[in-house]
N, C-alpha and C. Protein backbone atom coordinates (compact mmCIF):
# COMPACT_ATOMS: atom_id res chain seq x y z
N MET A 1 -89.70 145.35 -69.26
CA MET A 1 -88.87 144.17 -69.04
C MET A 1 -87.50 144.37 -69.66
N LEU A 2 -86.47 144.09 -68.89
CA LEU A 2 -85.10 144.20 -69.39
C LEU A 2 -84.76 142.97 -70.23
N LYS A 3 -83.78 143.13 -71.12
CA LYS A 3 -83.35 142.02 -71.97
C LYS A 3 -81.83 141.92 -71.90
N PHE A 4 -81.33 140.71 -71.64
CA PHE A 4 -79.90 140.46 -71.55
C PHE A 4 -79.51 139.37 -72.54
N ILE A 5 -78.29 139.48 -73.06
CA ILE A 5 -77.69 138.37 -73.81
C ILE A 5 -76.39 137.99 -73.09
N LEU A 6 -76.27 136.72 -72.76
CA LEU A 6 -75.06 136.19 -72.13
C LEU A 6 -74.30 135.40 -73.18
N ALA A 7 -73.18 135.94 -73.63
CA ALA A 7 -72.38 135.33 -74.70
C ALA A 7 -71.13 134.68 -74.13
N ASP A 8 -71.18 133.37 -73.99
CA ASP A 8 -70.05 132.61 -73.45
C ASP A 8 -70.19 131.17 -73.94
N ASP A 9 -69.08 130.57 -74.38
CA ASP A 9 -69.18 129.23 -74.95
C ASP A 9 -68.91 128.12 -73.92
N HIS A 10 -68.84 128.47 -72.63
CA HIS A 10 -68.65 127.47 -71.60
C HIS A 10 -69.98 127.23 -70.87
N PRO A 11 -70.65 126.11 -71.12
CA PRO A 11 -71.98 125.86 -70.56
C PRO A 11 -72.05 125.96 -69.04
N LEU A 12 -71.04 125.45 -68.34
CA LEU A 12 -71.09 125.47 -66.87
C LEU A 12 -71.07 126.89 -66.34
N PHE A 13 -70.19 127.73 -66.89
CA PHE A 13 -70.15 129.12 -66.43
C PHE A 13 -71.44 129.83 -66.83
N ARG A 14 -71.92 129.56 -68.03
CA ARG A 14 -73.14 130.20 -68.51
C ARG A 14 -74.32 129.86 -67.58
N ASP A 15 -74.38 128.60 -67.17
CA ASP A 15 -75.46 128.19 -66.27
C ASP A 15 -75.33 128.87 -64.91
N ALA A 16 -74.09 128.95 -64.40
CA ALA A 16 -73.87 129.58 -63.10
C ALA A 16 -74.24 131.05 -63.12
N LEU A 17 -73.82 131.76 -64.18
CA LEU A 17 -74.13 133.18 -64.27
C LEU A 17 -75.61 133.40 -64.53
N THR A 18 -76.24 132.49 -65.26
CA THR A 18 -77.68 132.58 -65.47
C THR A 18 -78.42 132.53 -64.13
N THR A 19 -77.98 131.64 -63.25
CA THR A 19 -78.59 131.53 -61.93
C THR A 19 -78.43 132.83 -61.15
N THR A 20 -77.22 133.42 -61.23
CA THR A 20 -76.96 134.70 -60.54
C THR A 20 -77.86 135.80 -61.08
N LEU A 21 -77.98 135.87 -62.41
CA LEU A 21 -78.80 136.92 -63.02
C LEU A 21 -80.28 136.72 -62.68
N ARG A 22 -80.72 135.48 -62.68
CA ARG A 22 -82.12 135.21 -62.37
C ARG A 22 -82.47 135.65 -60.94
N SER A 23 -81.48 135.58 -60.04
CA SER A 23 -81.75 135.97 -58.65
C SER A 23 -82.00 137.47 -58.53
N ALA A 24 -81.40 138.26 -59.41
CA ALA A 24 -81.54 139.71 -59.35
C ALA A 24 -82.56 140.24 -60.35
N PHE A 25 -82.72 139.52 -61.46
CA PHE A 25 -83.64 139.97 -62.52
C PHE A 25 -84.58 138.81 -62.89
N PRO A 26 -85.42 138.38 -61.95
CA PRO A 26 -86.21 137.15 -62.15
C PRO A 26 -87.23 137.21 -63.27
N LYS A 27 -87.74 138.39 -63.60
CA LYS A 27 -88.80 138.51 -64.59
C LYS A 27 -88.31 139.02 -65.94
N ASP A 28 -87.00 139.22 -66.05
CA ASP A 28 -86.46 139.79 -67.28
C ASP A 28 -85.99 138.71 -68.25
N GLN A 29 -85.81 139.08 -69.50
CA GLN A 29 -85.46 138.12 -70.56
C GLN A 29 -83.95 137.91 -70.61
N LEU A 30 -83.55 136.66 -70.65
CA LEU A 30 -82.12 136.32 -70.73
C LEU A 30 -81.91 135.29 -71.84
N ASP A 31 -81.17 135.69 -72.87
CA ASP A 31 -80.83 134.79 -73.96
C ASP A 31 -79.35 134.43 -73.88
N ALA A 32 -79.02 133.22 -74.34
CA ALA A 32 -77.63 132.76 -74.31
C ALA A 32 -77.10 132.62 -75.73
N ALA A 33 -75.79 132.87 -75.88
CA ALA A 33 -75.13 132.73 -77.18
C ALA A 33 -73.76 132.11 -76.95
N GLU A 34 -73.35 131.24 -77.88
CA GLU A 34 -72.06 130.57 -77.73
C GLU A 34 -71.03 131.05 -78.75
N SER A 35 -71.39 132.06 -79.56
CA SER A 35 -70.46 132.59 -80.56
C SER A 35 -70.87 134.01 -80.93
N ILE A 36 -69.97 134.73 -81.59
CA ILE A 36 -70.28 136.08 -82.05
C ILE A 36 -71.39 136.04 -83.09
N ASP A 37 -71.38 135.04 -83.96
CA ASP A 37 -72.43 134.94 -84.97
C ASP A 37 -73.80 134.76 -84.33
N THR A 38 -73.87 133.97 -83.25
CA THR A 38 -75.13 133.77 -82.55
C THR A 38 -75.61 135.06 -81.92
N VAL A 39 -74.67 135.84 -81.37
CA VAL A 39 -75.03 137.15 -80.80
C VAL A 39 -75.67 138.02 -81.87
N LYS A 40 -75.05 138.10 -83.04
CA LYS A 40 -75.57 138.94 -84.12
C LYS A 40 -76.94 138.44 -84.58
N THR A 41 -77.12 137.13 -84.64
CA THR A 41 -78.40 136.57 -85.05
C THR A 41 -79.50 136.96 -84.06
N LEU A 42 -79.19 136.88 -82.76
CA LEU A 42 -80.17 137.25 -81.74
C LEU A 42 -80.53 138.73 -81.83
N ILE A 43 -79.50 139.57 -82.01
CA ILE A 43 -79.76 141.01 -82.06
C ILE A 43 -80.52 141.39 -83.33
N ASP A 44 -80.10 140.84 -84.45
CA ASP A 44 -80.76 141.17 -85.71
C ASP A 44 -82.20 140.66 -85.75
N GLY A 45 -82.47 139.58 -84.99
CA GLY A 45 -83.81 139.02 -85.01
C GLY A 45 -84.76 139.63 -84.00
N ALA A 46 -84.21 140.04 -82.84
CA ALA A 46 -85.10 140.52 -81.76
C ALA A 46 -84.73 141.90 -81.23
N GLY A 47 -83.73 142.53 -81.82
CA GLY A 47 -83.34 143.85 -81.35
C GLY A 47 -82.24 143.80 -80.30
N GLU A 48 -81.65 144.95 -80.02
CA GLU A 48 -80.54 145.02 -79.08
C GLU A 48 -81.01 144.80 -77.64
N PRO A 49 -80.21 144.07 -76.85
CA PRO A 49 -80.55 143.89 -75.44
C PRO A 49 -80.17 145.14 -74.64
N ASP A 50 -80.61 145.19 -73.41
CA ASP A 50 -80.21 146.29 -72.53
C ASP A 50 -78.74 146.16 -72.12
N VAL A 51 -78.27 144.92 -72.02
CA VAL A 51 -76.86 144.66 -71.73
C VAL A 51 -76.44 143.37 -72.42
N LEU A 52 -75.28 143.40 -73.07
CA LEU A 52 -74.65 142.19 -73.61
C LEU A 52 -73.47 141.85 -72.72
N LEU A 53 -73.47 140.64 -72.17
CA LEU A 53 -72.35 140.14 -71.38
C LEU A 53 -71.50 139.28 -72.31
N LEU A 54 -70.26 139.69 -72.56
CA LEU A 54 -69.44 139.10 -73.63
C LEU A 54 -68.12 138.54 -73.12
N ASP A 55 -67.90 137.26 -73.37
CA ASP A 55 -66.60 136.65 -73.11
C ASP A 55 -65.68 136.98 -74.28
N LEU A 56 -64.45 137.39 -73.99
CA LEU A 56 -63.51 137.73 -75.06
C LEU A 56 -63.03 136.49 -75.82
N ASN A 57 -62.96 135.37 -75.12
CA ASN A 57 -62.35 134.18 -75.69
C ASN A 57 -63.44 133.18 -76.08
N MET A 58 -64.04 133.40 -77.25
CA MET A 58 -65.11 132.52 -77.72
C MET A 58 -65.11 132.49 -79.24
N PRO A 59 -65.78 131.50 -79.86
CA PRO A 59 -65.77 131.40 -81.33
C PRO A 59 -66.22 132.69 -82.01
N GLY A 60 -65.40 133.14 -82.98
CA GLY A 60 -65.71 134.35 -83.72
C GLY A 60 -65.18 135.61 -83.10
N SER A 61 -64.59 135.49 -81.92
CA SER A 61 -64.11 136.69 -81.24
C SER A 61 -62.67 137.02 -81.59
N GLU A 62 -61.79 136.00 -81.62
CA GLU A 62 -60.38 136.23 -81.92
C GLU A 62 -59.81 137.33 -81.02
N GLY A 63 -59.94 137.14 -79.72
CA GLY A 63 -59.46 138.16 -78.79
C GLY A 63 -60.39 139.35 -78.77
N PHE A 64 -59.85 140.53 -79.01
CA PHE A 64 -60.63 141.75 -78.91
C PHE A 64 -61.46 142.06 -80.15
N PHE A 65 -61.26 141.32 -81.23
CA PHE A 65 -61.98 141.68 -82.45
C PHE A 65 -63.49 141.56 -82.29
N GLY A 66 -63.95 140.54 -81.56
CA GLY A 66 -65.38 140.39 -81.37
C GLY A 66 -65.99 141.62 -80.73
N LEU A 67 -65.32 142.14 -79.71
CA LEU A 67 -65.78 143.36 -79.04
C LEU A 67 -65.79 144.54 -80.00
N ILE A 68 -64.69 144.74 -80.72
CA ILE A 68 -64.60 145.87 -81.66
C ILE A 68 -65.64 145.73 -82.77
N HIS A 69 -65.80 144.52 -83.26
CA HIS A 69 -66.74 144.25 -84.35
C HIS A 69 -68.18 144.56 -83.90
N LEU A 70 -68.56 144.10 -82.72
CA LEU A 70 -69.91 144.35 -82.23
C LEU A 70 -70.14 145.83 -81.94
N ARG A 71 -69.11 146.48 -81.42
CA ARG A 71 -69.24 147.91 -81.14
C ARG A 71 -69.47 148.69 -82.44
N GLU A 72 -68.80 148.28 -83.52
CA GLU A 72 -68.96 148.95 -84.81
C GLU A 72 -70.36 148.73 -85.37
N HIS A 73 -70.87 147.50 -85.25
CA HIS A 73 -72.18 147.17 -85.81
C HIS A 73 -73.33 147.70 -84.97
N TYR A 74 -73.12 147.76 -83.65
CA TYR A 74 -74.19 148.20 -82.74
C TYR A 74 -73.62 149.26 -81.78
N PRO A 75 -73.43 150.47 -82.28
CA PRO A 75 -72.72 151.51 -81.51
C PRO A 75 -73.38 151.90 -80.19
N SER A 76 -74.69 151.69 -80.06
CA SER A 76 -75.37 152.08 -78.82
C SER A 76 -75.54 150.91 -77.84
N LEU A 77 -75.06 149.74 -78.21
CA LEU A 77 -75.24 148.54 -77.38
C LEU A 77 -74.29 148.55 -76.18
N PRO A 78 -74.81 148.50 -74.94
CA PRO A 78 -73.93 148.41 -73.76
C PRO A 78 -73.32 147.00 -73.67
N ILE A 79 -72.00 146.93 -73.77
CA ILE A 79 -71.29 145.65 -73.72
C ILE A 79 -70.47 145.57 -72.44
N VAL A 80 -70.68 144.52 -71.67
CA VAL A 80 -69.89 144.26 -70.47
C VAL A 80 -69.05 143.01 -70.73
N VAL A 81 -67.75 143.14 -70.66
CA VAL A 81 -66.86 142.01 -70.87
C VAL A 81 -66.81 141.17 -69.60
N ILE A 82 -66.94 139.87 -69.75
CA ILE A 82 -66.74 138.93 -68.65
C ILE A 82 -65.57 138.04 -69.04
N SER A 83 -64.58 137.93 -68.18
CA SER A 83 -63.35 137.25 -68.59
C SER A 83 -62.67 136.58 -67.41
N ALA A 84 -61.94 135.49 -67.72
CA ALA A 84 -61.13 134.83 -66.69
C ALA A 84 -59.86 135.61 -66.39
N MET A 85 -59.54 136.58 -67.24
CA MET A 85 -58.32 137.38 -67.07
C MET A 85 -58.62 138.64 -66.26
N GLU A 86 -57.68 138.99 -65.38
CA GLU A 86 -57.87 140.16 -64.52
C GLU A 86 -56.72 141.16 -64.63
N ASP A 87 -55.92 141.02 -65.68
CA ASP A 87 -54.81 141.94 -65.91
C ASP A 87 -55.37 143.33 -66.19
N PRO A 88 -54.92 144.36 -65.43
CA PRO A 88 -55.42 145.73 -65.68
C PRO A 88 -55.28 146.17 -67.13
N ALA A 89 -54.22 145.69 -67.82
CA ALA A 89 -54.02 146.07 -69.21
C ALA A 89 -55.14 145.51 -70.10
N ILE A 90 -55.60 144.28 -69.79
CA ILE A 90 -56.69 143.68 -70.55
C ILE A 90 -57.98 144.45 -70.30
N ILE A 91 -58.21 144.82 -69.04
CA ILE A 91 -59.41 145.57 -68.70
C ILE A 91 -59.36 146.95 -69.36
N GLN A 92 -58.21 147.58 -69.28
CA GLN A 92 -58.04 148.90 -69.89
C GLN A 92 -58.30 148.86 -71.38
N ARG A 93 -57.76 147.86 -72.04
CA ARG A 93 -57.94 147.74 -73.48
C ARG A 93 -59.40 147.45 -73.83
N SER A 94 -60.07 146.65 -73.01
CA SER A 94 -61.49 146.36 -73.25
C SER A 94 -62.32 147.64 -73.22
N ILE A 95 -62.05 148.49 -72.24
CA ILE A 95 -62.79 149.75 -72.14
C ILE A 95 -62.44 150.67 -73.31
N ALA A 96 -61.16 150.71 -73.66
CA ALA A 96 -60.74 151.55 -74.79
C ALA A 96 -61.38 151.09 -76.09
N TYR A 97 -61.64 149.79 -76.21
CA TYR A 97 -62.21 149.24 -77.44
C TYR A 97 -63.74 149.24 -77.43
N GLY A 98 -64.35 149.85 -76.42
CA GLY A 98 -65.79 150.05 -76.49
C GLY A 98 -66.66 149.41 -75.43
N ALA A 99 -66.08 148.60 -74.53
CA ALA A 99 -66.89 148.02 -73.46
C ALA A 99 -67.25 149.10 -72.44
N VAL A 100 -68.39 148.95 -71.79
CA VAL A 100 -68.78 149.89 -70.73
C VAL A 100 -68.64 149.25 -69.36
N GLY A 101 -68.13 148.03 -69.34
CA GLY A 101 -67.90 147.37 -68.07
C GLY A 101 -67.01 146.16 -68.25
N PHE A 102 -66.37 145.73 -67.16
CA PHE A 102 -65.53 144.54 -67.19
C PHE A 102 -65.69 143.85 -65.85
N ILE A 103 -66.13 142.58 -65.89
CA ILE A 103 -66.32 141.82 -64.65
C ILE A 103 -65.53 140.52 -64.75
N PRO A 104 -64.50 140.34 -63.92
CA PRO A 104 -63.75 139.08 -63.93
C PRO A 104 -64.66 137.91 -63.55
N LYS A 105 -64.44 136.76 -64.16
CA LYS A 105 -65.27 135.60 -63.87
C LYS A 105 -65.12 135.11 -62.44
N SER A 106 -64.02 135.48 -61.80
CA SER A 106 -63.78 135.06 -60.42
C SER A 106 -64.55 135.93 -59.41
N SER A 107 -65.24 136.95 -59.89
CA SER A 107 -65.93 137.88 -59.00
C SER A 107 -67.06 137.20 -58.23
N ALA A 108 -67.31 137.70 -57.04
CA ALA A 108 -68.45 137.23 -56.26
C ALA A 108 -69.74 137.61 -56.97
N SER A 109 -70.79 136.88 -56.69
CA SER A 109 -72.08 137.11 -57.38
C SER A 109 -72.56 138.55 -57.25
N HIS A 110 -72.36 139.14 -56.06
CA HIS A 110 -72.87 140.49 -55.86
C HIS A 110 -72.15 141.51 -56.74
N LEU A 111 -70.88 141.23 -57.11
CA LEU A 111 -70.17 142.15 -57.99
C LEU A 111 -70.71 142.09 -59.42
N PHE A 112 -71.13 140.90 -59.85
CA PHE A 112 -71.78 140.81 -61.17
C PHE A 112 -73.04 141.68 -61.18
N ILE A 113 -73.81 141.56 -60.13
CA ILE A 113 -75.06 142.33 -60.05
C ILE A 113 -74.76 143.82 -59.94
N ASP A 114 -73.78 144.18 -59.10
CA ASP A 114 -73.41 145.59 -58.95
C ASP A 114 -72.96 146.17 -60.28
N GLY A 115 -72.13 145.41 -61.00
CA GLY A 115 -71.62 145.89 -62.29
C GLY A 115 -72.72 146.10 -63.31
N ILE A 116 -73.62 145.13 -63.40
CA ILE A 116 -74.71 145.23 -64.37
C ILE A 116 -75.65 146.38 -64.04
N LYS A 117 -75.96 146.55 -62.76
CA LYS A 117 -76.84 147.65 -62.36
C LYS A 117 -76.18 149.00 -62.64
N ALA A 118 -74.87 149.08 -62.44
CA ALA A 118 -74.16 150.33 -62.72
C ALA A 118 -74.23 150.67 -64.21
N VAL A 119 -74.03 149.66 -65.05
CA VAL A 119 -74.10 149.87 -66.50
C VAL A 119 -75.51 150.26 -66.92
N LEU A 120 -76.51 149.62 -66.34
CA LEU A 120 -77.90 149.98 -66.64
C LEU A 120 -78.21 151.42 -66.26
N ALA A 121 -77.49 151.92 -65.25
CA ALA A 121 -77.68 153.30 -64.80
C ALA A 121 -76.87 154.29 -65.63
N GLY A 122 -76.10 153.76 -66.60
CA GLY A 122 -75.33 154.63 -67.48
C GLY A 122 -73.89 154.84 -67.09
N ASP A 123 -73.41 154.07 -66.12
CA ASP A 123 -72.02 154.22 -65.67
C ASP A 123 -71.11 153.22 -66.36
N VAL A 124 -69.81 153.48 -66.29
CA VAL A 124 -68.79 152.52 -66.71
C VAL A 124 -68.30 151.82 -65.45
N TRP A 125 -68.27 150.48 -65.49
CA TRP A 125 -67.94 149.73 -64.27
C TRP A 125 -66.75 148.81 -64.50
N VAL A 126 -65.79 148.90 -63.59
CA VAL A 126 -64.66 147.97 -63.55
C VAL A 126 -64.48 147.56 -62.09
N PRO A 127 -63.74 146.47 -61.83
CA PRO A 127 -63.54 146.05 -60.44
C PRO A 127 -62.98 147.19 -59.59
N PRO A 128 -63.58 147.47 -58.45
CA PRO A 128 -63.11 148.58 -57.61
C PRO A 128 -61.62 148.53 -57.31
N ALA A 129 -61.09 147.34 -57.09
CA ALA A 129 -59.68 147.21 -56.73
C ALA A 129 -58.74 147.56 -57.88
N LEU A 130 -59.26 147.56 -59.10
CA LEU A 130 -58.42 147.81 -60.27
C LEU A 130 -58.76 149.13 -60.96
N LYS A 131 -59.66 149.89 -60.39
CA LYS A 131 -60.17 151.08 -61.06
C LYS A 131 -59.09 152.10 -61.39
N VAL A 132 -58.20 152.37 -60.46
CA VAL A 132 -57.16 153.39 -60.67
C VAL A 132 -56.27 153.01 -61.85
N ALA A 133 -55.85 151.74 -61.88
CA ALA A 133 -54.96 151.30 -62.96
C ALA A 133 -55.65 151.34 -64.31
N VAL A 134 -56.94 151.03 -64.32
CA VAL A 134 -57.67 150.94 -65.58
C VAL A 134 -58.00 152.31 -66.16
N GLU A 135 -58.10 153.31 -65.32
CA GLU A 135 -58.54 154.63 -65.79
C GLU A 135 -57.52 155.33 -66.68
N ARG A 136 -56.30 154.77 -66.81
CA ARG A 136 -55.29 155.38 -67.66
C ARG A 136 -55.49 154.93 -69.11
N LEU A 137 -56.60 155.30 -69.69
CA LEU A 137 -56.89 154.91 -71.08
C LEU A 137 -56.01 155.71 -72.03
N SER A 138 -55.48 155.04 -73.03
CA SER A 138 -54.60 155.73 -73.96
C SER A 138 -55.31 156.08 -75.25
N ARG A 139 -55.00 157.25 -75.79
CA ARG A 139 -55.57 157.69 -77.07
C ARG A 139 -55.15 156.74 -78.19
N GLU A 140 -53.95 156.19 -78.07
CA GLU A 140 -53.45 155.28 -79.10
C GLU A 140 -54.34 154.04 -79.23
N GLU A 141 -54.76 153.46 -78.10
CA GLU A 141 -55.60 152.28 -78.13
C GLU A 141 -56.96 152.58 -78.77
N THR A 142 -57.54 153.72 -78.41
CA THR A 142 -58.83 154.09 -78.95
C THR A 142 -58.76 154.30 -80.45
N ASP A 143 -57.69 154.94 -80.92
CA ASP A 143 -57.51 155.16 -82.36
C ASP A 143 -57.33 153.83 -83.08
N PHE A 144 -56.58 152.92 -82.48
CA PHE A 144 -56.37 151.61 -83.09
C PHE A 144 -57.68 150.85 -83.24
N SER A 145 -58.53 150.92 -82.21
CA SER A 145 -59.80 150.20 -82.27
C SER A 145 -60.66 150.71 -83.43
N LYS A 146 -60.59 152.01 -83.70
CA LYS A 146 -61.37 152.59 -84.80
C LYS A 146 -60.86 152.07 -86.14
N ARG A 147 -59.53 151.93 -86.26
CA ARG A 147 -58.97 151.44 -87.51
C ARG A 147 -59.34 149.98 -87.75
N VAL A 148 -59.31 149.17 -86.69
CA VAL A 148 -59.68 147.76 -86.82
C VAL A 148 -61.16 147.63 -87.15
N ALA A 149 -61.99 148.48 -86.54
CA ALA A 149 -63.43 148.42 -86.79
C ALA A 149 -63.76 148.71 -88.25
N ALA A 150 -62.87 149.38 -88.96
CA ALA A 150 -63.11 149.70 -90.36
C ALA A 150 -62.91 148.49 -91.27
N LEU A 151 -62.29 147.42 -90.76
CA LEU A 151 -62.08 146.22 -91.57
C LEU A 151 -63.40 145.47 -91.76
N THR A 152 -63.60 144.92 -92.94
CA THR A 152 -64.75 144.05 -93.16
C THR A 152 -64.45 142.69 -92.54
N ASP A 153 -65.47 141.84 -92.42
CA ASP A 153 -65.27 140.50 -91.87
C ASP A 153 -64.22 139.73 -92.65
N GLN A 154 -64.30 139.81 -93.98
CA GLN A 154 -63.36 139.06 -94.81
C GLN A 154 -61.95 139.61 -94.67
N GLN A 155 -61.82 140.93 -94.58
CA GLN A 155 -60.50 141.53 -94.39
C GLN A 155 -59.90 141.11 -93.06
N PHE A 156 -60.74 141.02 -92.05
CA PHE A 156 -60.21 140.58 -90.76
C PHE A 156 -59.74 139.13 -90.83
N LYS A 157 -60.48 138.27 -91.53
CA LYS A 157 -60.05 136.88 -91.69
C LYS A 157 -58.70 136.81 -92.39
N VAL A 158 -58.52 137.63 -93.42
CA VAL A 158 -57.23 137.66 -94.12
C VAL A 158 -56.13 138.13 -93.17
N LEU A 159 -56.42 139.15 -92.36
CA LEU A 159 -55.44 139.65 -91.41
C LEU A 159 -55.03 138.57 -90.42
N MET A 160 -55.99 137.79 -89.93
CA MET A 160 -55.67 136.72 -88.99
C MET A 160 -54.79 135.65 -89.66
N HIS A 161 -55.03 135.39 -90.94
CA HIS A 161 -54.18 134.45 -91.67
C HIS A 161 -52.75 135.01 -91.81
N LEU A 162 -52.66 136.32 -92.00
CA LEU A 162 -51.33 136.93 -92.10
C LEU A 162 -50.55 136.75 -90.80
N THR A 163 -51.24 136.85 -89.67
CA THR A 163 -50.55 136.70 -88.37
C THR A 163 -50.03 135.28 -88.19
N GLU A 164 -50.60 134.33 -88.94
CA GLU A 164 -50.16 132.94 -88.86
C GLU A 164 -49.07 132.64 -89.88
N GLY A 165 -48.64 133.68 -90.62
CA GLY A 165 -47.55 133.52 -91.58
C GLY A 165 -47.94 132.80 -92.87
N ARG A 166 -49.22 132.80 -93.18
CA ARG A 166 -49.67 132.07 -94.37
C ARG A 166 -49.46 132.90 -95.64
N LEU A 167 -49.18 132.19 -96.72
CA LEU A 167 -48.96 132.83 -98.02
C LEU A 167 -50.30 133.16 -98.68
N ASN A 168 -50.25 134.06 -99.67
CA ASN A 168 -51.48 134.44 -100.37
C ASN A 168 -52.20 133.22 -100.95
N LYS A 169 -51.43 132.31 -101.50
CA LYS A 169 -52.02 131.11 -102.10
C LYS A 169 -52.77 130.28 -101.04
N GLN A 170 -52.16 130.16 -99.85
CA GLN A 170 -52.80 129.39 -98.79
C GLN A 170 -54.06 130.08 -98.27
N ILE A 171 -53.99 131.41 -98.16
CA ILE A 171 -55.15 132.17 -97.69
C ILE A 171 -56.29 132.03 -98.68
N ALA A 172 -55.97 132.13 -99.97
CA ALA A 172 -56.99 132.01 -101.01
C ALA A 172 -57.67 130.64 -100.94
N TYR A 173 -56.89 129.61 -100.73
CA TYR A 173 -57.43 128.24 -100.64
C TYR A 173 -58.34 128.11 -99.42
N ASP A 174 -57.88 128.58 -98.28
CA ASP A 174 -58.65 128.44 -97.03
C ASP A 174 -59.96 129.22 -97.06
N LEU A 175 -59.94 130.40 -97.69
CA LEU A 175 -61.12 131.27 -97.70
C LEU A 175 -61.96 131.11 -98.96
N HIS A 176 -61.51 130.22 -99.86
CA HIS A 176 -62.25 129.94 -101.10
C HIS A 176 -62.43 131.20 -101.95
N ILE A 177 -61.33 131.95 -102.08
CA ILE A 177 -61.34 133.14 -102.92
C ILE A 177 -60.09 133.10 -103.79
N SER A 178 -59.99 134.00 -104.76
CA SER A 178 -58.84 134.02 -105.65
C SER A 178 -57.66 134.74 -105.00
N GLU A 179 -56.46 134.48 -105.51
CA GLU A 179 -55.29 135.18 -104.99
C GLU A 179 -55.40 136.68 -105.26
N ALA A 180 -56.01 137.03 -106.39
CA ALA A 180 -56.19 138.46 -106.71
C ALA A 180 -57.06 139.13 -105.64
N THR A 181 -58.08 138.41 -105.19
CA THR A 181 -58.95 138.96 -104.15
C THR A 181 -58.19 139.09 -102.83
N VAL A 182 -57.35 138.12 -102.54
CA VAL A 182 -56.53 138.19 -101.32
C VAL A 182 -55.64 139.43 -101.38
N LYS A 183 -54.99 139.64 -102.51
CA LYS A 183 -54.12 140.81 -102.66
C LYS A 183 -54.90 142.11 -102.49
N ALA A 184 -56.12 142.15 -103.02
CA ALA A 184 -56.95 143.35 -102.88
C ALA A 184 -57.30 143.59 -101.42
N HIS A 185 -57.61 142.50 -100.70
CA HIS A 185 -57.93 142.63 -99.27
C HIS A 185 -56.70 143.13 -98.49
N ILE A 186 -55.54 142.60 -98.82
CA ILE A 186 -54.32 142.99 -98.12
C ILE A 186 -54.03 144.47 -98.35
N THR A 187 -54.21 144.93 -99.58
CA THR A 187 -54.02 146.36 -99.88
C THR A 187 -54.96 147.22 -99.04
N ALA A 188 -56.21 146.78 -98.93
CA ALA A 188 -57.20 147.52 -98.14
C ALA A 188 -56.84 147.49 -96.65
N ILE A 189 -56.35 146.35 -96.19
CA ILE A 189 -55.95 146.21 -94.78
C ILE A 189 -54.82 147.18 -94.46
N PHE A 190 -53.79 147.22 -95.32
CA PHE A 190 -52.67 148.14 -95.11
C PHE A 190 -53.16 149.59 -95.02
N ARG A 191 -54.07 149.94 -95.94
CA ARG A 191 -54.57 151.32 -95.97
C ARG A 191 -55.36 151.65 -94.69
N LYS A 192 -56.23 150.75 -94.29
CA LYS A 192 -57.08 151.03 -93.14
C LYS A 192 -56.30 151.03 -91.82
N LEU A 193 -55.27 150.18 -91.73
CA LEU A 193 -54.47 150.14 -90.50
C LEU A 193 -53.35 151.17 -90.51
N GLY A 194 -53.09 151.75 -91.67
CA GLY A 194 -52.03 152.75 -91.75
C GLY A 194 -50.65 152.15 -91.69
N VAL A 195 -50.47 150.97 -92.33
CA VAL A 195 -49.17 150.31 -92.35
C VAL A 195 -48.70 150.15 -93.79
N GLN A 196 -47.42 149.76 -93.92
CA GLN A 196 -46.82 149.67 -95.25
C GLN A 196 -46.56 148.24 -95.70
N ASN A 197 -46.53 147.29 -94.76
CA ASN A 197 -46.17 145.93 -95.14
C ASN A 197 -46.76 144.91 -94.17
N ARG A 198 -46.54 143.65 -94.49
CA ARG A 198 -47.10 142.56 -93.69
C ARG A 198 -46.58 142.58 -92.25
N THR A 199 -45.30 142.82 -92.10
CA THR A 199 -44.72 142.80 -90.76
C THR A 199 -45.39 143.82 -89.86
N GLN A 200 -45.58 145.03 -90.36
CA GLN A 200 -46.23 146.07 -89.57
C GLN A 200 -47.68 145.68 -89.26
N ALA A 201 -48.37 145.09 -90.23
CA ALA A 201 -49.76 144.68 -90.01
C ALA A 201 -49.84 143.59 -88.94
N VAL A 202 -48.92 142.64 -88.98
CA VAL A 202 -48.91 141.55 -88.01
C VAL A 202 -48.62 142.07 -86.60
N ILE A 203 -47.69 143.01 -86.49
CA ILE A 203 -47.37 143.59 -85.18
C ILE A 203 -48.60 144.27 -84.59
N LEU A 204 -49.30 145.03 -85.42
CA LEU A 204 -50.52 145.70 -84.93
C LEU A 204 -51.59 144.67 -84.57
N ALA A 205 -51.75 143.66 -85.41
CA ALA A 205 -52.79 142.66 -85.18
C ALA A 205 -52.55 141.88 -83.89
N SER A 206 -51.29 141.75 -83.47
CA SER A 206 -50.98 141.02 -82.25
C SER A 206 -51.62 141.67 -81.02
N LYS A 207 -51.94 142.96 -81.12
CA LYS A 207 -52.58 143.66 -80.01
C LYS A 207 -54.00 143.17 -79.79
N LEU A 208 -54.58 142.55 -80.81
CA LEU A 208 -55.95 142.05 -80.70
C LEU A 208 -56.02 140.72 -79.97
N LYS A 209 -54.91 140.04 -79.87
CA LYS A 209 -54.91 138.71 -79.28
C LYS A 209 -54.80 138.78 -77.77
N LEU A 210 -55.37 137.80 -77.12
CA LEU A 210 -55.26 137.69 -75.68
C LEU A 210 -53.92 137.02 -75.35
N PRO A 211 -53.43 137.16 -74.12
CA PRO A 211 -52.10 136.65 -73.77
C PRO A 211 -51.86 135.20 -74.14
N GLU A 212 -52.84 134.29 -73.86
CA GLU A 212 -52.62 132.89 -74.18
C GLU A 212 -52.60 132.65 -75.68
N GLN A 213 -53.32 133.48 -76.43
CA GLN A 213 -53.30 133.34 -77.89
C GLN A 213 -51.96 133.75 -78.45
N THR A 214 -51.38 134.82 -77.91
CA THR A 214 -50.07 135.27 -78.34
C THR A 214 -49.00 134.24 -78.04
N ALA A 215 -49.11 133.58 -76.89
CA ALA A 215 -48.13 132.60 -76.48
C ALA A 215 -48.14 131.38 -77.38
N GLN A 216 -49.28 131.12 -78.02
CA GLN A 216 -49.40 129.95 -78.88
C GLN A 216 -48.87 130.19 -80.28
N GLN A 217 -48.55 131.45 -80.64
CA GLN A 217 -48.09 131.77 -82.00
C GLN A 217 -46.71 131.15 -82.25
């Protein structure tokens, strides 16, 4: 029996995709998750699924970090990104950061099934119409994903606060830690990302955000 986890915080889409999956995999196990923490709880409690279907824009994800974080914790887990965005650059970055497939939410039902079956067979799947553009994966993106994956959960939270322009005192208050601990995290963040200051760290961190998140900054 195959096991799937569908990670998306939109109930209507989750229900629709569940119906699609049930039509092709009627006897297999399908669990739902509405956040990255729920995904980890399911995996840690029952083992890795055969495929994780992951929305980039959901609680705990912060753009691409959820994907990078899960790839670091579960290196053999096949992750297929499902997203409302169809920009080749987003798809390219998803694959560079560890996804083995990308299926736009606007896709017809048969493409969801085709993509999942391809991944189950060991292939990397992206929309046929966008395949040529997506195949230009850059070494720089892959290297960046490895550096971000080296951050601890707390270090990533501090990094996200830095992108919002918050001071050490404010970060310490929000995360319920001391300013000395914040400074220690920032030092570690600079070292792991290979940067020298806050500005450089923020510029790099902006690559993790999705287009609408960047526009809101």
